[in-house]
């Protein structure tokens, strides 16, 4: 409230929201965050792409988080993505054996991100997908989306979420296979070709 000449307080307009950061370079990214799959696992896939803004410009300081089930569709219950050395207290990294299903990738100067994980199996009547969370400059809150995999048209056609998305926008949720075991998934934050983002209530 602000004082007025009449001595009565006058309401002030609300303070507008604004972004904080980005401060992703501190604490959130960690060594090996992109390497989710156990070393040498036969079901390892690489998913990569670019994060761009509404003008199609790359975002060099975005952070992409990925969660996914194992190839059987089971959600991992394993801890250990950010293990610490009990002697020194320093970061020891992943052990390269257990699959946690979770990882983080920071974009580079060209807005590029990547993750090596296990190709997810179907679960709960859905086509196989990875859950994604995006943090980036200009966002007041992080964004959620999914990465579906091509190859099984029947499963994609029956997926409840994809079925609820307009046909003209479904492709923004489906990765493109570049070669065996490698998929491209670009994330457009707004504008033409904007990725479909999800709201959880």
Protein backbone atom coordinates (compact mmCIF):
# COMPACT_ATOMS: atom_id res chain seq x y z
CA UNK A 1 0.00 0.00 0.00
CA UNK A 2 1.21 3.51 -0.78
CA UNK A 3 0.24 6.69 1.11
CA UNK A 4 -2.00 9.21 -0.68
CA UNK A 5 -2.76 12.88 -0.11
CA UNK A 6 -5.96 11.89 1.67
CA UNK A 7 -4.08 9.85 4.22
CA UNK A 8 -5.72 6.64 3.02
CA UNK A 9 -3.49 3.90 1.65
CA UNK A 10 -3.86 3.17 -2.05
CA UNK A 11 -3.31 -0.34 -3.46
CA UNK A 12 -0.18 -0.90 -5.52
CA UNK A 13 -0.14 -3.06 -8.62
CA UNK A 14 1.42 -6.51 -8.11
CA UNK A 15 5.13 -6.87 -8.77
CA UNK A 16 5.59 -8.69 -12.08
CA UNK A 17 7.23 -12.10 -12.14
CA UNK A 18 10.69 -12.41 -13.59
CA UNK A 19 13.16 -15.15 -14.25
CA UNK A 20 15.83 -16.10 -11.75
CA UNK A 21 19.12 -17.17 -13.15
CA UNK A 22 19.93 -19.20 -15.06
CA UNK A 23 22.26 -20.65 -12.46
CA UNK A 24 22.39 -24.11 -13.98
CA UNK A 25 26.17 -24.19 -14.12
CA UNK A 26 26.31 -24.57 -10.35
CA UNK A 27 25.36 -27.89 -8.72
CA UNK A 28 22.74 -29.06 -11.22
CA UNK A 29 24.94 -30.39 -14.05
CA UNK A 30 27.25 -33.19 -12.95
CA UNK A 31 29.95 -35.23 -14.62
CA UNK A 32 28.43 -38.17 -16.47
CA UNK A 33 24.89 -36.81 -16.15
CA UNK A 34 24.20 -37.77 -19.77
CA UNK A 35 25.44 -41.34 -19.41
CA UNK A 36 22.40 -43.08 -17.96
CA UNK A 37 22.80 -46.53 -19.55
CA UNK A 38 25.12 -49.06 -17.89
CA UNK A 39 28.40 -49.47 -19.74
CA UNK A 40 28.14 -51.84 -22.70
CA UNK A 41 24.40 -52.55 -22.31
CA UNK A 42 22.97 -53.89 -25.61
CA UNK A 43 19.79 -51.77 -25.38
CA UNK A 44 21.66 -48.45 -25.16
CA UNK A 45 20.35 -45.66 -27.36
CA UNK A 46 21.57 -42.11 -27.84
CA UNK A 47 18.96 -39.36 -27.94
CA UNK A 48 20.13 -35.87 -28.88
CA UNK A 49 18.88 -32.58 -30.28
CA UNK A 50 18.84 -28.82 -29.93
CA UNK A 51 16.93 -26.50 -27.59
CA UNK A 52 15.81 -23.35 -29.42
CA UNK A 53 13.77 -20.27 -28.56
CA UNK A 54 10.80 -18.77 -30.39
CA UNK A 55 13.11 -17.27 -33.02
CA UNK A 56 14.79 -20.60 -33.65
CA UNK A 57 17.97 -19.44 -31.91
CA UNK A 58 19.90 -22.02 -29.85
CA UNK A 59 19.91 -21.76 -26.06
CA UNK A 60 23.44 -22.38 -24.78
CA UNK A 61 22.47 -22.58 -21.10
CA UNK A 62 19.40 -24.82 -21.00
CA UNK A 63 19.22 -27.98 -18.93
CA UNK A 64 17.40 -31.13 -20.08
CA UNK A 65 16.41 -33.81 -17.54
CA UNK A 66 15.33 -37.27 -18.65
CA UNK A 67 13.59 -40.11 -16.81
CA UNK A 68 12.68 -43.42 -18.33
CA UNK A 69 11.78 -47.03 -17.58
CA UNK A 70 14.03 -49.95 -18.43
CA UNK A 71 13.52 -52.01 -21.62
CA UNK A 72 10.89 -54.13 -19.82
CA UNK A 73 8.87 -51.04 -18.94
CA UNK A 74 9.73 -51.21 -15.22
CA UNK A 75 10.55 -47.98 -13.40
CA UNK A 76 14.00 -48.19 -11.79
CA UNK A 77 14.18 -47.99 -8.01
CA UNK A 78 17.96 -47.72 -7.89
CA UNK A 79 19.73 -44.79 -6.24
CA UNK A 80 23.19 -43.76 -7.23
CA UNK A 81 23.21 -41.24 -10.06
CA UNK A 82 25.29 -38.85 -7.96
CA UNK A 83 27.35 -41.09 -5.68
CA UNK A 84 29.93 -39.59 -3.36
CA UNK A 85 33.27 -40.99 -2.34
CA UNK A 86 32.82 -41.89 1.35
CA UNK A 87 36.47 -41.12 2.11
CA UNK A 88 36.88 -37.73 0.43
CA UNK A 89 33.26 -36.64 0.13
CA UNK A 90 33.97 -35.79 -3.52
CA UNK A 91 31.77 -36.72 -6.45
CA UNK A 92 32.42 -40.29 -7.55
CA UNK A 93 30.05 -40.38 -10.52
CA UNK A 94 27.89 -43.27 -11.67
CA UNK A 95 29.10 -46.78 -11.01
CA UNK A 96 28.48 -47.79 -14.65
CA UNK A 97 26.49 -50.89 -13.65
CA UNK A 98 23.12 -49.91 -12.18
CA UNK A 99 20.41 -48.21 -14.21
CA UNK A 100 18.68 -45.32 -12.44
CA UNK A 101 16.71 -44.18 -15.47
CA UNK A 102 17.51 -40.54 -14.73
CA UNK A 103 20.03 -38.03 -16.01
CA UNK A 104 20.75 -34.40 -16.86
CA UNK A 105 22.33 -32.82 -19.91
CA UNK A 106 23.36 -29.19 -20.20
CA UNK A 107 23.23 -27.67 -23.68
CA UNK A 108 26.47 -26.56 -25.28
CA UNK A 109 27.17 -23.26 -27.08
CA UNK A 110 25.09 -24.45 -30.04
CA UNK A 111 22.12 -25.45 -27.87
CA UNK A 112 22.91 -29.14 -28.35
CA UNK A 113 22.13 -31.77 -25.71
CA UNK A 114 22.40 -35.56 -25.64
CA UNK A 115 21.79 -38.54 -23.39
CA UNK A 116 22.78 -42.20 -23.60
CA UNK A 117 20.10 -44.29 -21.95
CA UNK A 118 18.25 -47.58 -22.40
CA UNK A 119 15.45 -47.71 -24.92
CA UNK A 120 12.33 -47.66 -22.74
CA UNK A 121 9.75 -50.42 -22.77
CA UNK A 122 6.00 -49.81 -22.91
CA UNK A 123 4.09 -49.51 -19.67
CA UNK A 124 0.54 -48.73 -18.54
CA UNK A 125 -1.01 -48.86 -22.02
CA UNK A 126 1.33 -46.18 -23.35
CA UNK A 127 3.75 -46.41 -26.24
CA UNK A 128 7.40 -46.37 -25.02
CA UNK A 129 8.56 -42.87 -24.07
CA UNK A 130 11.03 -40.87 -22.02
CA UNK A 131 9.82 -38.12 -19.70
CA UNK A 132 11.61 -34.79 -20.18
CA UNK A 133 11.90 -31.63 -18.10
CA UNK A 134 13.42 -28.48 -19.59
CA UNK A 135 14.93 -25.56 -17.67
CA UNK A 136 15.97 -22.51 -19.70
CA UNK A 137 16.35 -18.75 -19.67
CA UNK A 138 13.09 -16.86 -19.98
CA UNK A 139 11.06 -19.62 -18.30
CA UNK A 140 9.31 -18.83 -15.05
CA UNK A 141 8.71 -22.52 -14.49
CA UNK A 142 10.26 -25.60 -16.05
CA UNK A 143 8.50 -27.38 -18.91
CA UNK A 144 7.53 -31.03 -19.24
CA UNK A 145 7.28 -33.05 -22.43
CA UNK A 146 7.82 -36.61 -23.69
CA UNK A 147 10.03 -38.30 -26.24
CA UNK A 148 8.28 -41.13 -28.09
CA UNK A 149 10.19 -43.50 -30.36
CA UNK A 150 9.26 -44.26 -33.97
CA UNK A 151 8.81 -47.74 -35.35
CA UNK A 152 5.53 -49.06 -33.93
CA UNK A 153 2.73 -47.14 -35.63
CA UNK A 154 0.02 -49.18 -33.87
CA UNK A 155 1.40 -48.44 -30.40
CA UNK A 156 1.84 -44.74 -31.20
CA UNK A 157 -1.68 -44.57 -32.61
CA UNK A 158 -3.15 -46.16 -29.48
CA UNK A 159 -1.19 -44.05 -26.98
CA UNK A 160 -3.72 -42.03 -24.90
CA UNK A 161 -1.65 -38.86 -24.72
CA UNK A 162 -0.66 -38.82 -28.38
CA UNK A 163 -4.26 -39.48 -29.35
CA UNK A 164 -5.29 -36.33 -27.44
CA UNK A 165 -2.79 -34.15 -29.33
CA UNK A 166 -3.74 -32.52 -32.63
CA UNK A 167 -2.37 -34.52 -35.57
CA UNK A 168 -0.48 -31.48 -36.82
CA UNK A 169 1.52 -31.33 -33.58
CA UNK A 170 2.15 -35.00 -32.74
CA UNK A 171 5.43 -35.08 -34.62
CA UNK A 172 6.92 -32.68 -32.05
CA UNK A 173 6.73 -35.54 -29.53
CA UNK A 174 8.24 -38.28 -31.69
CA UNK A 175 12.00 -38.60 -32.10
CA UNK A 176 13.46 -39.16 -35.55
CA UNK A 177 15.65 -42.21 -36.06
CA UNK A 178 18.97 -41.19 -37.61
CA UNK A 179 20.55 -44.65 -37.58
CA UNK A 180 20.31 -47.79 -35.45
CA UNK A 181 20.39 -46.74 -31.81
CA UNK A 182 20.51 -42.98 -32.48
CA UNK A 183 17.53 -40.61 -32.35
CA UNK A 184 17.12 -36.88 -32.77
CA UNK A 185 14.66 -34.86 -30.72
CA UNK A 186 14.72 -31.06 -30.96
CA UNK A 187 12.95 -28.94 -28.35
CA UNK A 188 11.40 -25.68 -29.60
CA UNK A 189 10.20 -23.55 -26.68
CA UNK A 190 7.72 -21.47 -28.65
CA UNK A 191 6.78 -20.27 -32.12
CA UNK A 192 6.34 -22.30 -35.28
CA UNK A 193 6.95 -25.97 -34.60
CA UNK A 194 6.73 -25.47 -30.82
CA UNK A 195 7.15 -28.72 -28.92
CA UNK A 196 4.01 -29.96 -27.17
CA UNK A 197 4.45 -29.35 -23.44
CA UNK A 198 2.44 -31.00 -20.69
CA UNK A 199 0.74 -29.59 -17.62
CA UNK A 200 0.41 -31.74 -14.51
CA UNK A 201 -2.35 -30.98 -12.01
